[in-house]
Protein backbone atom coordinates (compact mmCIF):
# COMPACT_ATOMS: atom_id res chain seq x y z
CA UNK A 1 74.57 200.09 105.87
CA UNK A 2 77.44 197.85 104.69
CA UNK A 3 79.27 199.32 101.78
CA UNK A 4 80.39 197.30 98.80
CA UNK A 5 84.02 197.64 99.88
CA UNK A 6 83.24 196.35 103.39
CA UNK A 7 81.37 193.39 101.97
CA UNK A 8 84.37 192.51 99.79
CA UNK A 9 86.67 192.72 102.85
CA UNK A 10 84.36 190.39 104.84
CA UNK A 11 84.30 187.87 101.99
CA UNK A 12 88.11 187.94 101.77
CA UNK A 13 88.31 187.32 105.51
CA UNK A 14 85.96 184.38 105.14
CA UNK A 15 88.15 182.92 102.36
CA UNK A 16 91.24 183.31 104.53
CA UNK A 17 89.53 181.27 107.18
CA UNK A 18 89.54 178.37 104.72
CA UNK A 19 93.05 178.97 103.49
CA UNK A 20 94.14 175.37 103.49
CA UNK A 21 96.61 173.47 101.31
CA UNK A 22 95.16 169.93 101.36
CA UNK A 23 96.28 167.64 98.60
CA UNK A 24 96.05 164.00 97.56
CA UNK A 25 98.02 161.77 99.92
CA UNK A 26 97.71 164.02 102.98
CA UNK A 27 96.64 162.55 106.28
CA UNK A 28 94.09 164.86 107.88
CA UNK A 29 91.98 164.94 111.02
CA UNK A 30 88.24 165.32 110.78
CA UNK A 31 84.89 164.88 112.50
CA UNK A 32 82.03 162.79 111.11
CA UNK A 33 79.12 165.09 110.59
CA UNK A 34 76.61 162.97 108.73
CA UNK A 35 75.78 160.42 106.00
CA UNK A 36 74.47 160.59 102.47
CA UNK A 37 73.96 158.32 99.52
CA UNK A 38 77.72 158.41 98.72
CA UNK A 39 78.97 157.48 102.16
CA UNK A 40 80.24 159.33 105.25
CA UNK A 41 80.39 163.13 105.47
CA UNK A 42 83.46 164.48 107.26
CA UNK A 43 84.40 168.00 108.33
CA UNK A 44 88.15 168.43 107.72
CA UNK A 45 88.14 172.21 107.83
CA UNK A 46 87.69 172.72 104.11
CA UNK A 47 85.07 174.89 102.31
CA UNK A 48 82.69 171.92 102.10
CA UNK A 49 82.42 168.63 103.88
CA UNK A 50 84.56 165.86 102.52
CA UNK A 51 83.20 162.43 101.65
CA UNK A 52 84.34 158.91 102.48
CA UNK A 53 82.81 156.71 99.75
CA UNK A 54 81.28 153.51 101.12
CA UNK A 55 84.03 151.32 99.55
CA UNK A 56 86.67 153.33 101.43
CA UNK A 57 84.66 153.27 104.69
CA UNK A 58 83.65 149.68 105.34
CA UNK A 59 84.14 146.18 103.93
CA UNK A 60 81.55 144.52 101.78
CA UNK A 61 78.53 143.57 103.88
CA UNK A 62 79.28 145.96 106.73
CA UNK A 63 76.89 148.77 107.69
CA UNK A 64 78.41 152.28 107.63
CA UNK A 65 76.36 153.48 110.51
CA UNK A 66 77.51 150.60 112.64
CA UNK A 67 81.11 151.68 112.21
CA UNK A 68 80.73 155.49 112.21
CA UNK A 69 78.69 157.91 114.30
CA UNK A 70 78.18 161.67 114.25
CA UNK A 71 80.79 163.52 116.23
CA UNK A 72 83.33 160.79 115.89
CA UNK A 73 86.85 162.09 115.40
CA UNK A 74 89.47 160.35 113.34
CA UNK A 75 92.28 160.44 110.82
CA UNK A 76 91.60 160.16 107.13
CA UNK A 77 93.61 159.98 103.93
CA UNK A 78 92.85 162.28 101.01
CA UNK A 79 92.57 160.06 97.95
CA UNK A 80 91.17 162.70 95.56
CA UNK A 81 91.56 166.44 95.62
CA UNK A 82 88.74 168.97 95.39
CA UNK A 83 86.20 168.53 92.62
CA UNK A 84 84.17 171.35 91.06
CA UNK A 85 82.03 171.55 94.19
CA UNK A 86 85.01 171.79 96.48
CA UNK A 87 84.73 168.29 97.88
CA UNK A 88 87.60 166.04 98.83
CA UNK A 89 87.35 162.24 98.74
CA UNK A 90 88.72 160.46 101.75
CA UNK A 91 89.59 156.94 102.86
CA UNK A 92 89.38 155.44 106.32
CA UNK A 93 90.27 151.91 105.28
CA UNK A 94 93.67 152.95 103.94
CA UNK A 95 94.54 154.69 107.22
CA UNK A 96 93.47 151.68 109.27
CA UNK A 97 95.46 149.46 106.87
CA UNK A 98 98.59 151.63 107.30
CA UNK A 99 98.35 151.56 111.08
CA UNK A 100 97.77 147.81 110.99
CA UNK A 101 101.01 147.35 108.99
CA UNK A 102 102.87 149.44 111.53
CA UNK A 103 101.58 147.19 114.36
CA UNK A 104 102.56 144.12 112.40
CA UNK A 105 106.04 145.50 111.86
CA UNK A 106 106.35 146.02 115.62
CA UNK A 107 105.12 142.44 116.26
CA UNK A 108 107.69 141.06 113.79
CA UNK A 109 110.54 143.11 115.29
CA UNK A 110 109.62 141.79 118.74
CA UNK A 111 108.99 138.19 117.46
CA UNK A 112 105.58 138.29 119.08
CA UNK A 113 102.89 135.70 118.71
CA UNK A 114 99.77 137.14 117.05
CA UNK A 115 96.28 135.76 116.48
CA UNK A 116 94.89 135.36 112.96
CA UNK A 117 91.46 134.35 111.63
CA UNK A 118 91.22 131.77 108.83
CA UNK A 119 89.39 133.29 105.88
CA UNK A 120 90.03 130.67 103.16
CA UNK A 121 91.79 127.36 102.63
CA UNK A 122 93.61 127.41 99.27
CA UNK A 123 96.02 125.21 97.36
CA UNK A 124 99.31 125.24 99.15
CA UNK A 125 98.16 126.85 102.38
CA UNK A 126 95.73 129.01 104.27
CA UNK A 127 94.67 132.67 103.96
CA UNK A 128 94.28 134.48 107.31
CA UNK A 129 93.38 137.98 108.38
CA UNK A 130 95.27 139.81 111.10
CA UNK A 131 94.08 143.30 112.10
CA UNK A 132 92.44 143.73 108.75
CA UNK A 133 95.46 142.62 106.72
CA UNK A 134 95.35 139.43 104.64
CA UNK A 135 98.30 137.04 105.03
CA UNK A 136 99.27 133.60 103.82
CA UNK A 137 100.42 130.52 105.77
CA UNK A 138 102.17 127.95 103.50
CA UNK A 139 101.22 124.34 104.21
CA UNK A 140 104.82 123.73 105.25
CA UNK A 141 104.38 126.29 108.02
CA UNK A 142 101.33 124.67 109.56
CA UNK A 143 101.71 122.54 112.64
CA UNK A 144 100.58 118.96 111.96
CA UNK A 145 97.40 119.32 114.04
CA UNK A 146 96.40 122.45 112.19
CA UNK A 147 96.44 121.03 108.68
CA UNK A 148 92.65 120.68 108.72
CA UNK A 149 91.11 123.97 109.83
CA UNK A 150 87.76 125.63 109.32
CA UNK A 151 87.07 129.15 108.04
CA UNK A 152 86.59 131.48 111.01
CA UNK A 153 88.85 129.52 113.31
CA UNK A 154 91.73 131.25 115.14
CA UNK A 155 95.43 130.35 114.86
CA UNK A 156 98.43 131.46 116.85
CA UNK A 157 101.03 132.82 114.40
CA UNK A 158 104.41 134.42 113.96
CA UNK A 159 105.41 136.66 111.09
CA UNK A 160 108.02 135.27 108.66
CA UNK A 161 108.07 138.07 106.04
CA UNK A 162 106.39 141.47 105.91
CA UNK A 163 106.76 143.76 102.91
CA UNK A 164 104.13 146.49 102.52
CA UNK A 165 105.53 147.59 99.14
CA UNK A 166 105.09 144.09 97.67
CA UNK A 167 102.01 143.41 99.82
CA UNK A 168 103.80 140.28 101.00
CA UNK A 169 102.67 138.96 104.38
CA UNK A 170 103.76 135.39 105.17
CA UNK A 171 103.11 133.77 108.52
CA UNK A 172 103.91 130.55 110.35
CA UNK A 173 101.84 128.53 112.73
CA UNK A 174 104.58 125.94 113.21
CA UNK A 175 107.20 128.49 114.36
CA UNK A 176 105.06 129.43 117.38
CA UNK A 177 105.60 125.93 118.73
CA UNK A 178 109.10 125.38 117.41
CA UNK A 179 110.40 128.35 119.43
CA UNK A 180 109.31 126.69 122.63
CA UNK A 181 109.70 123.07 121.61
CA UNK A 182 113.35 122.77 122.65
CA UNK A 183 112.60 123.82 126.21
CA UNK A 184 109.54 121.58 126.32
CA UNK A 185 111.61 118.63 125.05
CA UNK A 186 114.20 119.12 127.73
CA UNK A 187 111.55 119.21 130.41
CA UNK A 188 109.83 116.08 129.09
CA UNK A 189 113.11 114.10 128.67
CA UNK A 190 114.10 114.93 132.22
CA UNK A 191 110.92 113.33 133.50
CA UNK A 192 109.88 110.57 131.08
CA UNK A 193 111.00 106.95 131.30
CA UNK A 194 109.99 103.54 129.93
CA UNK A 195 107.00 102.00 131.67
CA UNK A 196 105.24 105.30 132.37
CA UNK A 197 101.67 105.76 131.19
CA UNK A 198 101.20 109.31 129.84
CA UNK A 199 98.42 111.26 128.23
CA UNK A 200 98.75 112.62 124.66
CA UNK A 201 96.96 113.87 121.62
CA UNK A 202 97.16 112.33 118.13
CA UNK A 203 98.57 115.08 115.88
CA UNK A 204 99.58 113.19 112.74
CA UNK A 205 98.83 109.84 111.18
CA UNK A 206 101.08 107.98 108.68
CA UNK A 207 101.07 104.52 107.09
CA UNK A 208 103.57 103.28 109.72
CA UNK A 209 101.93 104.73 112.82
CA UNK A 210 100.73 107.85 114.61
CA UNK A 211 102.55 110.76 116.19
CA UNK A 212 101.26 111.71 119.64
CA UNK A 213 101.86 115.08 121.27
CA UNK A 214 103.02 114.50 124.84
CA UNK A 215 102.91 118.18 125.74
CA UNK A 216 105.63 119.70 123.54
CA UNK A 217 107.20 116.53 122.18
CA UNK A 218 105.81 114.17 119.57
CA UNK A 219 106.24 110.48 120.33
CA UNK A 220 105.82 107.69 117.77
CA UNK A 221 103.08 105.10 118.21
CA UNK A 222 104.10 102.44 115.66
CA UNK A 223 101.46 100.46 113.77
CA UNK A 224 102.59 97.28 115.57
CA UNK A 225 101.87 98.88 118.95
CA UNK A 226 98.34 100.01 118.22
CA UNK A 227 96.49 96.81 119.08
CA UNK A 228 96.94 93.08 119.70
CA UNK A 229 94.63 92.57 116.75
CA UNK A 230 95.83 93.10 113.20
CA UNK A 231 95.39 96.72 112.06
CA UNK A 232 95.67 97.57 108.32
CA UNK A 233 96.15 101.33 108.95
CA UNK A 234 96.21 103.61 112.04
CA UNK A 235 93.03 105.32 110.82
CA UNK A 236 91.19 102.09 111.51
CA UNK A 237 91.16 103.03 115.20
CA UNK A 238 92.62 106.58 115.51
CA UNK A 239 92.00 110.03 114.10
CA UNK A 240 93.82 113.35 114.48
CA UNK A 241 92.71 115.12 117.62
CA UNK A 242 92.06 111.90 119.66
CA UNK A 243 93.24 112.20 123.28
CA UNK A 244 94.67 108.87 124.43
CA UNK A 245 96.67 107.23 127.22
CA UNK A 246 99.86 105.49 125.99
CA UNK A 247 102.73 103.63 127.58
CA UNK A 248 106.30 104.78 127.05
CA UNK A 249 108.26 101.73 125.77
CA UNK A 250 111.56 103.42 124.72
CA UNK A 251 113.35 106.74 125.20
CA UNK A 252 116.35 107.71 123.05
CA UNK A 253 117.94 110.76 124.68
CA UNK A 254 120.62 111.18 122.00
CA UNK A 255 118.08 111.31 119.11
CA UNK A 256 115.34 112.74 121.37
CA UNK A 257 112.81 110.18 120.37
CA UNK A 258 110.10 108.49 122.34
CA UNK A 259 108.38 105.23 121.32
CA UNK A 260 104.90 104.52 122.59
CA UNK A 261 102.43 101.66 122.88
CA UNK A 262 98.67 101.56 123.02
CA UNK A 263 98.30 97.79 123.10
CA UNK A 264 100.41 97.44 126.25
CA UNK A 265 97.55 99.01 128.20
CA UNK A 266 95.32 96.13 127.17
CA UNK A 267 95.50 92.58 128.63
CA UNK A 268 97.87 90.35 126.68
CA UNK A 269 95.55 87.93 124.76
CA UNK A 270 98.33 85.39 124.42
CA UNK A 271 98.26 84.75 128.17
CA UNK A 272 94.53 83.98 128.08
CA UNK A 273 94.94 81.97 124.87
CA UNK A 274 97.56 79.75 126.60
CA UNK A 275 94.85 78.66 129.03
CA UNK A 276 92.17 78.12 126.39
CA UNK A 277 93.85 76.35 123.47
CA UNK A 278 96.55 73.66 123.10
CA UNK A 279 98.39 71.75 120.40
CA UNK A 280 96.03 69.39 118.50
CA UNK A 281 92.91 71.49 119.11
CA UNK A 282 90.63 72.22 116.24
CA UNK A 283 89.94 76.01 116.02
CA UNK A 284 87.78 78.25 113.91
CA UNK A 285 89.37 81.49 112.77
CA UNK A 286 89.21 84.40 110.34
CA UNK A 287 91.85 85.08 107.65
CA UNK A 288 93.43 88.49 108.44
CA UNK A 289 96.38 88.62 106.01
CA UNK A 290 97.73 86.78 103.03
CA UNK A 291 101.52 86.54 102.44
CA UNK A 292 103.66 84.61 99.97
CA UNK A 293 104.63 82.19 102.75
CA UNK A 294 101.10 81.58 104.07
CA UNK A 295 97.95 83.00 105.58
CA UNK A 296 97.54 84.62 109.00
CA UNK A 297 94.45 83.56 110.83
CA UNK A 298 93.00 85.05 114.04
CA UNK A 299 92.22 81.95 116.10
CA UNK A 300 91.56 83.82 119.36
CA UNK A 301 90.68 87.53 119.89
CA UNK A 302 93.99 89.37 119.33
CA UNK A 303 95.95 86.15 118.55
CA UNK A 304 97.10 85.40 115.03
CA UNK A 305 98.40 82.05 113.84
CA UNK A 306 100.14 81.09 110.62
CA UNK A 307 98.83 78.58 108.14
CA UNK A 308 101.91 77.84 106.01
CA UNK A 309 101.90 78.11 102.23
CA UNK A 310 101.76 74.36 101.64
CA UNK A 311 98.81 74.02 104.00
CA UNK A 312 97.03 76.91 102.20
CA UNK A 313 97.56 75.02 98.96
CA UNK A 314 96.13 71.81 100.47
CA UNK A 315 93.09 73.71 101.78
CA UNK A 316 92.40 75.34 98.41
CA UNK A 317 92.81 72.06 96.51
CA UNK A 318 90.44 70.22 98.86
CA UNK A 319 87.85 73.03 99.11
CA UNK A 320 88.12 74.07 95.48
CA UNK A 321 88.12 77.71 96.65
CA UNK A 322 90.76 80.42 97.00
CA UNK A 323 91.42 81.74 100.46
CA UNK A 324 90.57 85.43 100.90
CA UNK A 325 90.95 87.94 103.74
CA UNK A 326 87.82 87.74 105.84
CA UNK A 327 87.16 84.01 105.17
CA UNK A 328 86.22 81.83 108.13
CA UNK A 329 88.03 78.53 108.14
CA UNK A 330 88.73 75.57 110.52
CA UNK A 331 92.26 74.46 111.23
CA UNK A 332 94.24 72.48 113.81
CA UNK A 333 96.87 73.83 116.23
CA UNK A 334 100.07 72.20 115.06
CA UNK A 335 102.51 73.98 117.27
CA UNK A 336 101.91 76.58 120.02
CA UNK A 337 104.69 78.65 121.62
CA UNK A 338 103.08 81.25 123.91
CA UNK A 339 106.42 82.68 125.06
CA UNK A 340 107.38 83.60 121.48
CA UNK A 341 103.77 84.38 120.54
CA UNK A 342 103.79 81.94 117.67
CA UNK A 343 101.27 79.39 116.53
CA UNK A 344 101.60 77.14 113.47
CA UNK A 345 98.44 75.70 111.95
CA UNK A 346 97.49 72.79 109.75
CA UNK A 347 94.34 71.87 107.85
CA UNK A 348 95.10 68.22 108.68
CA UNK A 349 94.09 66.79 112.07
CA UNK A 350 97.26 64.74 112.68
CA UNK A 351 99.90 66.51 110.66
CA UNK A 352 103.50 65.95 111.48
CA UNK A 353 105.31 68.82 113.16
CA UNK A 354 107.46 70.58 110.53
CA UNK A 355 111.22 70.42 110.85
CA UNK A 356 111.50 74.18 110.70
CA UNK A 357 109.17 76.85 111.91
CA UNK A 358 107.47 78.67 109.14
CA UNK A 359 108.44 82.39 108.97
CA UNK A 360 106.29 84.72 111.00
CA UNK A 361 106.03 88.45 110.23
CA UNK A 362 106.98 90.61 113.07
């Protein structure tokens, strides 16, 4: 029969078994031993099982039992010391977050390229997630082709700033490509020359043309080189992401610039027009542009001719209508110079040839 004194000794021995000094902020090891309405139950060697509340175990929308299983070992952070029942509250998310920051610090120190997932597009940039950590990419740090991205898409990134104390995590998509751009440019400039036809991808569009990535170097495709026909804006025929063939028309090694042409890959309509029309012919055309010095009229596919200002005035006086872009009108070929790609028009059948050529917009 166990005496009272022996029982007290056994109880003291049992207490000594659980002689721990856990406190808030400690990182402890434990084993998942079950689940309850609060969250995940973990044995950390204390008197009672500790609990990871659901909000410290998984993100919103995630299933606890998909991320944890009985017998699973891990490291946990004590976020609240023992309550009256002897239970500790733990966090798994904070541990994962801390380890993620350490990995990000290593990546920044090594200047490594990392992969981020777009979680939101906000004013001034893009929010991404990398290893569970939210970061921000300013618009100025997005490569031109990445300025329109979808939530869930992946981006190659480099870390610009990383401050866990301030929770400051700024990344760059542009820097990934800038770091290799110099070498790529050298390789391209050593091989490219005028007259070559190369493949590229449209990465940016402006009012004056489009920039085409030639594989590490962006060449300029000017508005005037898009088509033989008049184009109001590059978006009339191109969009970002289009893969196109272009001809190299100029290479500036000093400024490292490449000029491109799309229309040079099409037959020159002026050559065909020279065989089809001649001075004195009556032609039907469509008004494409209006300038202070006259109206441009497409008299043959891809061929524009100028109806001088005084002839425009005569036409409007006789027809009692104002000429507008898109109008179809009949005129006469007054002067045709295929070599200079210039045609002067008249609304009169036997008009005298003007002493001076009317100005033509290049």
